[in-house]
Amino acid sequence: MEVEVGRVLNYYSHLGVAALSLVDSLKLGDRIHVFGHATDFSQRVTSMEIEHHNVLWVKPGENVAIKTNRPVHVHDIVYRVIEEEMETIT
């Protein structure tokens, strides 16, 4: 399951960093899915900054910069992947 957390405002290719506008919270370690016209990949959030200060989590309404594994594009949608633990039947 996925929940939309924001959209890409800008991408800094020389840094591999995307600036996001958030509509839901995001924290370090979350798995995200970036999707757009020419973009479709998943990754863990390994680095987040607000105004050049490292942060562990951000709340809705804030803008944040995250390191991305691949290039992204303005208006790409960022989803948080909800990882559910599978119960085993014994």
N, C-alpha and C. Protein backbone atom coordinates (compact mmCIF):
# COMPACT_ATOMS: atom_id res chain seq x y z
N MET A 1 0.84 -1.18 0.00
CA MET A 1 0.00 0.00 0.00
C MET A 1 0.88 1.24 0.00
N GLU A 2 0.42 2.30 -0.67
CA GLU A 2 1.19 3.54 -0.75
C GLU A 2 0.31 4.73 -0.38
N VAL A 3 0.95 5.74 0.24
CA VAL A 3 0.28 6.97 0.63
C VAL A 3 1.07 8.13 0.05
N GLU A 4 0.39 9.05 -0.65
CA GLU A 4 1.09 10.21 -1.21
C GLU A 4 1.61 11.08 -0.08
N VAL A 5 2.90 11.43 -0.15
CA VAL A 5 3.50 12.31 0.86
C VAL A 5 3.91 13.65 0.30
N GLY A 6 4.03 13.77 -1.03
CA GLY A 6 4.42 15.06 -1.58
C GLY A 6 4.73 15.01 -3.06
N ARG A 7 5.23 16.16 -3.52
CA ARG A 7 5.59 16.32 -4.93
C ARG A 7 6.96 16.98 -5.03
N VAL A 8 7.62 16.69 -6.13
CA VAL A 8 8.95 17.27 -6.38
C VAL A 8 8.78 18.72 -6.83
N LEU A 9 9.46 19.62 -6.12
CA LEU A 9 9.47 21.05 -6.49
C LEU A 9 10.64 21.39 -7.40
N ASN A 10 11.77 20.71 -7.16
CA ASN A 10 12.99 20.99 -7.92
C ASN A 10 13.93 19.79 -7.79
N TYR A 11 14.83 19.66 -8.74
CA TYR A 11 15.83 18.60 -8.68
C TYR A 11 17.19 19.20 -9.00
N TYR A 12 18.15 18.94 -8.14
CA TYR A 12 19.51 19.45 -8.29
C TYR A 12 20.39 18.29 -8.74
N SER A 13 20.57 18.17 -10.05
CA SER A 13 21.25 17.00 -10.62
C SER A 13 22.70 16.90 -10.17
N HIS A 14 23.38 18.02 -9.97
CA HIS A 14 24.79 17.97 -9.56
C HIS A 14 24.95 17.44 -8.12
N LEU A 15 23.87 17.46 -7.33
CA LEU A 15 23.89 16.93 -5.97
C LEU A 15 23.12 15.62 -5.83
N GLY A 16 22.25 15.34 -6.80
CA GLY A 16 21.37 14.18 -6.68
C GLY A 16 20.34 14.37 -5.58
N VAL A 17 19.84 15.62 -5.47
CA VAL A 17 18.92 15.99 -4.40
C VAL A 17 17.62 16.53 -4.97
N ALA A 18 16.51 16.08 -4.39
CA ALA A 18 15.18 16.57 -4.79
C ALA A 18 14.60 17.41 -3.66
N ALA A 19 14.01 18.55 -4.02
CA ALA A 19 13.27 19.37 -3.06
C ALA A 19 11.81 18.96 -3.17
N LEU A 20 11.20 18.63 -2.02
CA LEU A 20 9.82 18.16 -1.99
C LEU A 20 8.93 19.09 -1.19
N SER A 21 7.68 19.20 -1.62
CA SER A 21 6.64 19.86 -0.85
C SER A 21 5.77 18.75 -0.29
N LEU A 22 5.65 18.69 1.04
CA LEU A 22 4.99 17.55 1.68
C LEU A 22 3.52 17.81 2.02
N VAL A 23 2.71 16.77 1.82
CA VAL A 23 1.30 16.80 2.23
C VAL A 23 1.07 15.78 3.34
N ASP A 24 2.09 14.99 3.69
CA ASP A 24 2.03 14.02 4.78
C ASP A 24 3.43 13.93 5.38
N SER A 25 3.54 13.32 6.55
CA SER A 25 4.83 13.23 7.24
C SER A 25 5.76 12.23 6.54
N LEU A 26 7.05 12.42 6.78
CA LEU A 26 8.08 11.57 6.20
C LEU A 26 9.21 11.48 7.21
N LYS A 27 9.79 10.29 7.36
CA LYS A 27 10.90 10.15 8.30
C LYS A 27 12.06 9.38 7.66
N LEU A 28 13.22 9.58 8.24
CA LEU A 28 14.42 8.88 7.79
C LEU A 28 14.17 7.38 7.88
N GLY A 29 14.54 6.64 6.85
CA GLY A 29 14.34 5.20 6.83
C GLY A 29 13.07 4.75 6.13
N ASP A 30 12.13 5.68 5.89
CA ASP A 30 10.91 5.32 5.16
C ASP A 30 11.26 4.86 3.76
N ARG A 31 10.49 3.91 3.24
CA ARG A 31 10.63 3.52 1.84
C ARG A 31 9.67 4.40 1.05
N ILE A 32 10.19 5.02 -0.02
CA ILE A 32 9.36 5.87 -0.87
C ILE A 32 9.34 5.34 -2.30
N HIS A 33 8.30 5.71 -3.01
CA HIS A 33 8.13 5.38 -4.43
C HIS A 33 7.95 6.70 -5.15
N VAL A 34 8.85 7.01 -6.08
CA VAL A 34 8.77 8.25 -6.86
C VAL A 34 8.21 7.88 -8.23
N PHE A 35 7.12 8.55 -8.60
CA PHE A 35 6.43 8.20 -9.84
C PHE A 35 6.08 9.46 -10.63
N GLY A 36 6.32 9.40 -11.92
CA GLY A 36 5.98 10.51 -12.80
C GLY A 36 5.98 10.03 -14.24
N HIS A 37 5.88 10.98 -15.17
CA HIS A 37 5.82 10.65 -16.60
C HIS A 37 7.02 9.81 -17.05
N ALA A 38 8.21 10.17 -16.57
CA ALA A 38 9.42 9.45 -16.97
C ALA A 38 10.17 8.88 -15.76
N THR A 39 9.50 8.77 -14.63
CA THR A 39 10.14 8.34 -13.39
C THR A 39 9.31 7.25 -12.74
N ASP A 40 9.98 6.20 -12.25
CA ASP A 40 9.28 5.14 -11.52
C ASP A 40 10.31 4.28 -10.81
N PHE A 41 10.59 4.59 -9.53
CA PHE A 41 11.53 3.80 -8.74
C PHE A 41 11.22 3.94 -7.26
N SER A 42 11.74 3.00 -6.48
CA SER A 42 11.60 3.02 -5.03
C SER A 42 12.96 3.08 -4.38
N GLN A 43 13.01 3.66 -3.18
CA GLN A 43 14.25 3.74 -2.41
C GLN A 43 13.92 4.03 -0.96
N ARG A 44 14.89 3.86 -0.08
CA ARG A 44 14.79 4.28 1.31
C ARG A 44 15.25 5.73 1.42
N VAL A 45 14.65 6.47 2.34
CA VAL A 45 15.09 7.84 2.62
C VAL A 45 16.31 7.74 3.52
N THR A 46 17.46 8.16 3.00
CA THR A 46 18.72 8.04 3.74
C THR A 46 19.26 9.38 4.21
N SER A 47 18.74 10.48 3.64
CA SER A 47 19.23 11.80 4.01
C SER A 47 18.13 12.83 3.76
N MET A 48 17.84 13.65 4.78
CA MET A 48 16.84 14.71 4.65
C MET A 48 17.38 15.99 5.28
N GLU A 49 17.11 17.11 4.63
CA GLU A 49 17.54 18.41 5.16
C GLU A 49 16.45 19.44 4.98
N ILE A 50 16.36 20.34 5.97
CA ILE A 50 15.53 21.54 5.85
C ILE A 50 16.47 22.71 6.07
N GLU A 51 16.58 23.57 5.07
CA GLU A 51 17.47 24.74 5.12
C GLU A 51 18.88 24.36 5.59
N HIS A 52 19.44 23.32 4.97
CA HIS A 52 20.81 22.85 5.19
C HIS A 52 21.04 22.26 6.58
N HIS A 53 19.98 21.88 7.30
CA HIS A 53 20.10 21.20 8.59
C HIS A 53 19.51 19.81 8.47
N ASN A 54 20.27 18.80 8.88
CA ASN A 54 19.78 17.42 8.85
C ASN A 54 18.59 17.27 9.79
N VAL A 55 17.58 16.53 9.33
CA VAL A 55 16.39 16.27 10.13
C VAL A 55 16.08 14.78 10.08
N LEU A 56 15.38 14.30 11.12
CA LEU A 56 14.99 12.89 11.19
C LEU A 56 13.59 12.65 10.66
N TRP A 57 12.72 13.69 10.77
CA TRP A 57 11.35 13.58 10.25
C TRP A 57 10.83 14.97 9.92
N VAL A 58 9.85 15.01 9.04
CA VAL A 58 9.22 16.27 8.66
C VAL A 58 7.71 16.08 8.66
N LYS A 59 7.01 17.17 8.90
CA LYS A 59 5.56 17.10 8.99
C LYS A 59 4.91 17.69 7.74
N PRO A 60 3.63 17.44 7.56
CA PRO A 60 2.92 17.98 6.38
C PRO A 60 3.04 19.49 6.34
N GLY A 61 3.14 20.03 5.12
CA GLY A 61 3.23 21.47 4.92
C GLY A 61 4.65 21.99 4.84
N GLU A 62 5.63 21.16 5.19
CA GLU A 62 7.03 21.58 5.13
C GLU A 62 7.65 21.19 3.79
N ASN A 63 8.72 21.89 3.44
CA ASN A 63 9.52 21.53 2.28
C ASN A 63 10.80 20.91 2.79
N VAL A 64 11.25 19.86 2.11
CA VAL A 64 12.43 19.13 2.54
C VAL A 64 13.24 18.72 1.33
N ALA A 65 14.55 18.61 1.52
CA ALA A 65 15.44 18.12 0.46
C ALA A 65 15.86 16.70 0.83
N ILE A 66 15.75 15.78 -0.13
CA ILE A 66 16.18 14.40 0.11
C ILE A 66 17.15 13.97 -0.99
N LYS A 67 18.06 13.11 -0.61
CA LYS A 67 18.99 12.51 -1.57
C LYS A 67 18.23 11.43 -2.33
N THR A 68 18.36 11.42 -3.67
CA THR A 68 17.68 10.41 -4.47
C THR A 68 18.70 9.53 -5.20
N ASN A 69 18.33 8.27 -5.40
CA ASN A 69 19.21 7.32 -6.08
C ASN A 69 19.23 7.52 -7.58
N ARG A 70 18.17 8.15 -8.10
CA ARG A 70 18.05 8.38 -9.54
C ARG A 70 17.52 9.79 -9.77
N PRO A 71 17.67 10.31 -10.99
CA PRO A 71 17.10 11.63 -11.28
C PRO A 71 15.58 11.62 -11.17
N VAL A 72 15.01 12.74 -10.73
CA VAL A 72 13.57 12.91 -10.65
C VAL A 72 13.21 14.19 -11.41
N HIS A 73 11.93 14.44 -11.57
CA HIS A 73 11.46 15.59 -12.34
C HIS A 73 10.45 16.40 -11.53
N VAL A 74 10.40 17.69 -11.80
CA VAL A 74 9.41 18.57 -11.17
C VAL A 74 8.02 17.98 -11.42
N HIS A 75 7.19 17.97 -10.39
CA HIS A 75 5.81 17.47 -10.39
C HIS A 75 5.71 15.95 -10.22
N ASP A 76 6.85 15.22 -10.16
CA ASP A 76 6.76 13.80 -9.83
C ASP A 76 6.10 13.67 -8.46
N ILE A 77 5.34 12.59 -8.28
CA ILE A 77 4.65 12.35 -7.02
C ILE A 77 5.49 11.39 -6.18
N VAL A 78 5.58 11.68 -4.89
CA VAL A 78 6.34 10.84 -3.97
C VAL A 78 5.34 10.17 -3.02
N TYR A 79 5.43 8.84 -2.97
CA TYR A 79 4.56 8.04 -2.10
C TYR A 79 5.39 7.38 -1.02
N ARG A 80 4.84 7.24 0.19
CA ARG A 80 5.46 6.43 1.23
C ARG A 80 4.89 5.03 1.08
N VAL A 81 5.76 4.03 1.03
CA VAL A 81 5.34 2.65 0.91
C VAL A 81 5.07 2.12 2.31
N ILE A 82 3.84 1.67 2.55
CA ILE A 82 3.47 1.10 3.83
C ILE A 82 3.85 -0.38 3.80
N GLU A 83 4.81 -0.72 4.63
CA GLU A 83 5.30 -2.09 4.65
C GLU A 83 4.60 -2.84 5.78
N GLU A 84 3.78 -3.78 5.40
CA GLU A 84 3.05 -4.57 6.38
C GLU A 84 3.77 -5.88 6.60
N GLU A 85 3.85 -6.28 7.85
CA GLU A 85 4.48 -7.55 8.16
C GLU A 85 3.51 -8.67 7.80
N MET A 86 4.03 -9.65 7.14
CA MET A 86 3.21 -10.82 6.77
C MET A 86 3.16 -11.78 7.94
N GLU A 87 1.96 -12.20 8.28
CA GLU A 87 1.81 -13.19 9.34
C GLU A 87 1.90 -14.57 8.72
N THR A 88 2.62 -15.44 9.36
CA THR A 88 2.74 -16.80 8.85
C THR A 88 1.72 -17.69 9.55
N ILE A 89 1.15 -18.57 8.81
CA ILE A 89 0.18 -19.50 9.35
C ILE A 89 0.90 -20.82 9.64
N THR A 90 0.81 -21.27 10.88
CA THR A 90 1.49 -22.52 11.24
C THR A 90 0.50 -23.59 11.61
